[in-house]
Amino acid sequence: MLSLTANGDHVVEKLSSEYFQRIKYLLSFLEQSKSDTTSALQKQLNSTFSS
C-alpha cells in the first residue's frame, strides 16, 4: 500500500477540479470499506453492478 508524504498531501489538497473532487469522494468511500469483510464487499459490488 502506498501513501503520500506530508508534502504530497498538501499538493493534493490544492487540486480542486470536479475530477479531483470526485476522486476524493470515491477514495473516502473506499477508505470506509477497508474494515468490511470480503463477503460484505462482494455483496456490495454485486448490488452495485446488477443495478
PDB file of N, CA and C in Angstrom:
ATOM      1  N   MET A   1       0.848  -1.174   0.000  1.00  0.00           N
ATOM      2  CA  MET A   1       0.000   0.000   0.000  1.00  0.00           C
ATOM      3  C   MET A   1       0.894   1.238   0.000  1.00  0.00           C
ATOM      4  N   LEU A   2       0.545   2.196  -0.807  1.00  0.00           N
ATOM      5  CA  LEU A   2       1.311   3.435  -0.897  1.00  0.00           C
ATOM      6  C   LEU A   2       0.576   4.556  -0.172  1.00  0.00           C
ATOM      7  N   SER A   3       1.336   5.492   0.338  1.00  0.00           N
ATOM      8  CA  SER A   3       0.721   6.664   0.960  1.00  0.00           C
ATOM      9  C   SER A   3       1.557   7.886   0.604  1.00  0.00           C
ATOM     10  N   LEU A   4       0.918   9.031   0.669  1.00  0.00           N
ATOM     11  CA  LEU A   4       1.578  10.280   0.340  1.00  0.00           C
ATOM     12  C   LEU A   4       2.394  10.810   1.506  1.00  0.00           C
ATOM     13  N   THR A   5       3.417  11.568   1.169  1.00  0.00           N
ATOM     14  CA  THR A   5       4.167  12.291   2.188  1.00  0.00           C
ATOM     15  C   THR A   5       3.332  13.499   2.618  1.00  0.00           C
ATOM     16  N   ALA A   6       3.778  14.196   3.623  1.00  0.00           N
ATOM     17  CA  ALA A   6       3.077  15.404   4.065  1.00  0.00           C
ATOM     18  C   ALA A   6       3.023  16.421   2.925  1.00  0.00           C
ATOM     19  N   ASN A   7       4.099  16.529   2.162  1.00  0.00           N
ATOM     20  CA  ASN A   7       4.128  17.451   1.027  1.00  0.00           C
ATOM     21  C   ASN A   7       3.132  16.998  -0.038  1.00  0.00           C
ATOM     22  N   GLY A   8       3.043  15.712  -0.297  1.00  0.00           N
ATOM     23  CA  GLY A   8       2.090  15.179  -1.257  1.00  0.00           C
ATOM     24  C   GLY A   8       0.659  15.462  -0.833  1.00  0.00           C
ATOM     25  N   ASP A   9       0.364  15.297   0.452  1.00  0.00           N
ATOM     26  CA  ASP A   9      -0.971  15.616   0.977  1.00  0.00           C
ATOM     27  C   ASP A   9      -1.307  17.085   0.736  1.00  0.00           C
ATOM     28  N   HIS A  10      -0.324  17.945   0.944  1.00  0.00           N
ATOM     29  CA  HIS A  10      -0.534  19.384   0.754  1.00  0.00           C
ATOM     30  C   HIS A  10      -0.856  19.694  -0.707  1.00  0.00           C
ATOM     31  N   VAL A  11      -0.151  19.071  -1.633  1.00  0.00           N
ATOM     32  CA  VAL A  11      -0.395  19.285  -3.055  1.00  0.00           C
ATOM     33  C   VAL A  11      -1.780  18.792  -3.446  1.00  0.00           C
ATOM     34  N   VAL A  12      -2.171  17.619  -2.944  1.00  0.00           N
ATOM     35  CA  VAL A  12      -3.481  17.053  -3.270  1.00  0.00           C
ATOM     36  C   VAL A  12      -4.601  17.961  -2.789  1.00  0.00           C
ATOM     37  N   GLU A  13      -4.443  18.560  -1.638  1.00  0.00           N
ATOM     38  CA  GLU A  13      -5.480  19.450  -1.103  1.00  0.00           C
ATOM     39  C   GLU A  13      -5.714  20.650  -2.010  1.00  0.00           C
ATOM     40  N   LYS A  14      -4.709  21.036  -2.795  1.00  0.00           N
ATOM     41  CA  LYS A  14      -4.845  22.177  -3.701  1.00  0.00           C
ATOM     42  C   LYS A  14      -5.572  21.803  -4.993  1.00  0.00           C
ATOM     43  N   LEU A  15      -5.701  20.516  -5.294  1.00  0.00           N
ATOM     44  CA  LEU A  15      -6.377  20.067  -6.502  1.00  0.00           C
ATOM     45  C   LEU A  15      -7.881  20.155  -6.267  1.00  0.00           C
ATOM     46  N   SER A  16      -8.537  21.013  -7.010  1.00  0.00           N
ATOM     47  CA  SER A  16      -9.942  21.261  -6.692  1.00  0.00           C
ATOM     48  C   SER A  16     -10.886  21.133  -7.886  1.00  0.00           C
ATOM     49  N   SER A  17     -10.416  20.636  -9.011  1.00  0.00           N
ATOM     50  CA  SER A  17     -11.321  20.498 -10.149  1.00  0.00           C
ATOM     51  C   SER A  17     -12.386  19.445  -9.831  1.00  0.00           C
ATOM     52  N   GLU A  18     -13.432  19.438 -10.625  1.00  0.00           N
ATOM     53  CA  GLU A  18     -14.525  18.486 -10.410  1.00  0.00           C
ATOM     54  C   GLU A  18     -14.007  17.050 -10.460  1.00  0.00           C
ATOM     55  N   TYR A  19     -13.065  16.778 -11.354  1.00  0.00           N
ATOM     56  CA  TYR A  19     -12.482  15.449 -11.479  1.00  0.00           C
ATOM     57  C   TYR A  19     -11.829  15.017 -10.166  1.00  0.00           C
ATOM     58  N   PHE A  20     -11.004  15.884  -9.592  1.00  0.00           N
ATOM     59  CA  PHE A  20     -10.309  15.533  -8.358  1.00  0.00           C
ATOM     60  C   PHE A  20     -11.254  15.471  -7.171  1.00  0.00           C
ATOM     61  N   GLN A  21     -12.290  16.292  -7.164  1.00  0.00           N
ATOM     62  CA  GLN A  21     -13.283  16.213  -6.098  1.00  0.00           C
ATOM     63  C   GLN A  21     -13.975  14.857  -6.132  1.00  0.00           C
ATOM     64  N   ARG A  22     -14.279  14.357  -7.331  1.00  0.00           N
ATOM     65  CA  ARG A  22     -14.911  13.041  -7.487  1.00  0.00           C
ATOM     66  C   ARG A  22     -13.963  11.937  -7.008  1.00  0.00           C
ATOM     67  N   ILE A  23     -12.703  12.031  -7.364  1.00  0.00           N
ATOM     68  CA  ILE A  23     -11.700  11.047  -6.929  1.00  0.00           C
ATOM     69  C   ILE A  23     -11.620  11.030  -5.403  1.00  0.00           C
ATOM     70  N   LYS A  24     -11.565  12.205  -4.791  1.00  0.00           N
ATOM     71  CA  LYS A  24     -11.502  12.293  -3.326  1.00  0.00           C
ATOM     72  C   LYS A  24     -12.733  11.653  -2.688  1.00  0.00           C
ATOM     73  N   TYR A  25     -13.903  11.894  -3.267  1.00  0.00           N
ATOM     74  CA  TYR A  25     -15.133  11.307  -2.754  1.00  0.00           C
ATOM     75  C   TYR A  25     -15.071   9.780  -2.828  1.00  0.00           C
ATOM     76  N   LEU A  26     -14.670   9.268  -3.974  1.00  0.00           N
ATOM     77  CA  LEU A  26     -14.601   7.813  -4.137  1.00  0.00           C
ATOM     78  C   LEU A  26     -13.567   7.190  -3.205  1.00  0.00           C
ATOM     79  N   LEU A  27     -12.451   7.856  -3.025  1.00  0.00           N
ATOM     80  CA  LEU A  27     -11.432   7.338  -2.109  1.00  0.00           C
ATOM     81  C   LEU A  27     -11.927   7.333  -0.661  1.00  0.00           C
ATOM     82  N   SER A  28     -12.704   8.339  -0.289  1.00  0.00           N
ATOM     83  CA  SER A  28     -13.233   8.347   1.082  1.00  0.00           C
ATOM     84  C   SER A  28     -14.208   7.189   1.278  1.00  0.00           C
ATOM     85  N   PHE A  29     -14.983   6.865   0.239  1.00  0.00           N
ATOM     86  CA  PHE A  29     -15.878   5.719   0.302  1.00  0.00           C
ATOM     87  C   PHE A  29     -15.081   4.420   0.444  1.00  0.00           C
ATOM     88  N   LEU A  30     -14.012   4.299  -0.338  1.00  0.00           N
ATOM     89  CA  LEU A  30     -13.180   3.100  -0.260  1.00  0.00           C
ATOM     90  C   LEU A  30     -12.501   2.977   1.105  1.00  0.00           C
ATOM     91  N   GLU A  31     -12.104   4.092   1.675  1.00  0.00           N
ATOM     92  CA  GLU A  31     -11.468   4.092   2.996  1.00  0.00           C
ATOM     93  C   GLU A  31     -12.401   3.459   4.033  1.00  0.00           C
ATOM     94  N   GLN A  32     -13.684   3.774   3.933  1.00  0.00           N
ATOM     95  CA  GLN A  32     -14.668   3.221   4.861  1.00  0.00           C
ATOM     96  C   GLN A  32     -14.831   1.716   4.655  1.00  0.00           C
ATOM     97  N   SER A  33     -14.574   1.237   3.459  1.00  0.00           N
ATOM     98  CA  SER A  33     -14.781  -0.169   3.122  1.00  0.00           C
ATOM     99  C   SER A  33     -13.643  -1.076   3.596  1.00  0.00           C
ATOM    100  N   LYS A  34     -12.528  -0.488   4.028  1.00  0.00           N
ATOM    101  CA  LYS A  34     -11.371  -1.295   4.410  1.00  0.00           C
ATOM    102  C   LYS A  34     -11.668  -2.253   5.555  1.00  0.00           C
ATOM    103  N   SER A  35     -12.598  -1.903   6.405  1.00  0.00           N
ATOM    104  CA  SER A  35     -12.891  -2.753   7.557  1.00  0.00           C
ATOM    105  C   SER A  35     -13.938  -3.818   7.243  1.00  0.00           C
ATOM    106  N   ASP A  36     -14.543  -3.757   6.060  1.00  0.00           N
ATOM    107  CA  ASP A  36     -15.553  -4.751   5.688  1.00  0.00           C
ATOM    108  C   ASP A  36     -14.912  -6.086   5.343  1.00  0.00           C
ATOM    109  N   THR A  37     -15.659  -7.151   5.531  1.00  0.00           N
ATOM    110  CA  THR A  37     -15.175  -8.473   5.146  1.00  0.00           C
ATOM    111  C   THR A  37     -15.257  -8.627   3.632  1.00  0.00           C
ATOM    112  N   THR A  38     -14.549  -9.607   3.110  1.00  0.00           N
ATOM    113  CA  THR A  38     -14.583  -9.884   1.675  1.00  0.00           C
ATOM    114  C   THR A  38     -16.004 -10.189   1.225  1.00  0.00           C
ATOM    115  N   SER A  39     -16.717 -10.952   2.015  1.00  0.00           N
ATOM    116  CA  SER A  39     -18.096 -11.314   1.686  1.00  0.00           C
ATOM    117  C   SER A  39     -18.981 -10.072   1.606  1.00  0.00           C
ATOM    118  N   ALA A  40     -18.838  -9.160   2.554  1.00  0.00           N
ATOM    119  CA  ALA A  40     -19.643  -7.943   2.554  1.00  0.00           C
ATOM    120  C   ALA A  40     -19.314  -7.083   1.340  1.00  0.00           C
ATOM    121  N   LEU A  41     -18.032  -6.999   0.983  1.00  0.00           N
ATOM    122  CA  LEU A  41     -17.639  -6.227  -0.194  1.00  0.00           C
ATOM    123  C   LEU A  41     -18.198  -6.839  -1.471  1.00  0.00           C
ATOM    124  N   GLN A  42     -18.180  -8.155  -1.563  1.00  0.00           N
ATOM    125  CA  GLN A  42     -18.730  -8.823  -2.742  1.00  0.00           C
ATOM    126  C   GLN A  42     -20.219  -8.543  -2.880  1.00  0.00           C
ATOM    127  N   LYS A  43     -20.938  -8.561  -1.771  1.00  0.00           N
ATOM    128  CA  LYS A  43     -22.365  -8.263  -1.806  1.00  0.00           C
ATOM    129  C   LYS A  43     -22.611  -6.834  -2.270  1.00  0.00           C
ATOM    130  N   GLN A  44     -21.819  -5.905  -1.763  1.00  0.00           N
ATOM    131  CA  GLN A  44     -21.971  -4.511  -2.163  1.00  0.00           C
ATOM    132  C   GLN A  44     -21.679  -4.341  -3.655  1.00  0.00           C
ATOM    133  N   LEU A  45     -20.606  -4.965  -4.137  1.00  0.00           N
ATOM    134  CA  LEU A  45     -20.261  -4.860  -5.548  1.00  0.00           C
ATOM    135  C   LEU A  45     -21.324  -5.495  -6.427  1.00  0.00           C
ATOM    136  N   ASN A  46     -21.801  -6.662  -6.038  1.00  0.00           N
ATOM    137  CA  ASN A  46     -22.856  -7.317  -6.818  1.00  0.00           C
ATOM    138  C   ASN A  46     -24.093  -6.444  -6.890  1.00  0.00           C
ATOM    139  N   SER A  47     -24.445  -5.824  -5.796  1.00  0.00           N
ATOM    140  CA  SER A  47     -25.604  -4.939  -5.762  1.00  0.00           C
ATOM    141  C   SER A  47     -25.393  -3.730  -6.670  1.00  0.00           C
ATOM    142  N   THR A  48     -24.194  -3.193  -6.655  1.00  0.00           N
ATOM    143  CA  THR A  48     -23.880  -2.021  -7.472  1.00  0.00           C
ATOM    144  C   THR A  48     -23.929  -2.360  -8.959  1.00  0.00           C
ATOM    145  N   PHE A  49     -23.320  -3.473  -9.345  1.00  0.00           N
ATOM    146  CA  PHE A  49     -23.216  -3.805 -10.758  1.00  0.00           C
ATOM    147  C   PHE A  49     -24.473  -4.441 -11.325  1.00  0.00           C
ATOM    148  N   SER A  50     -25.349  -4.943 -10.485  1.00  0.00           N
ATOM    149  CA  SER A  50     -26.578  -5.550 -11.000  1.00  0.00           C
ATOM    150  C   SER A  50     -27.677  -4.506 -11.208  1.00  0.00           C
ATOM    151  N   SER A  51     -27.471  -3.310 -10.679  1.00  0.00           N
ATOM    152  CA  SER A  51     -28.477  -2.233 -10.815  1.00  0.00           C
ATOM    153  C   SER A  51     -28.426  -1.614 -12.189  1.00  0.00           C
TER     154      SER A  51
END
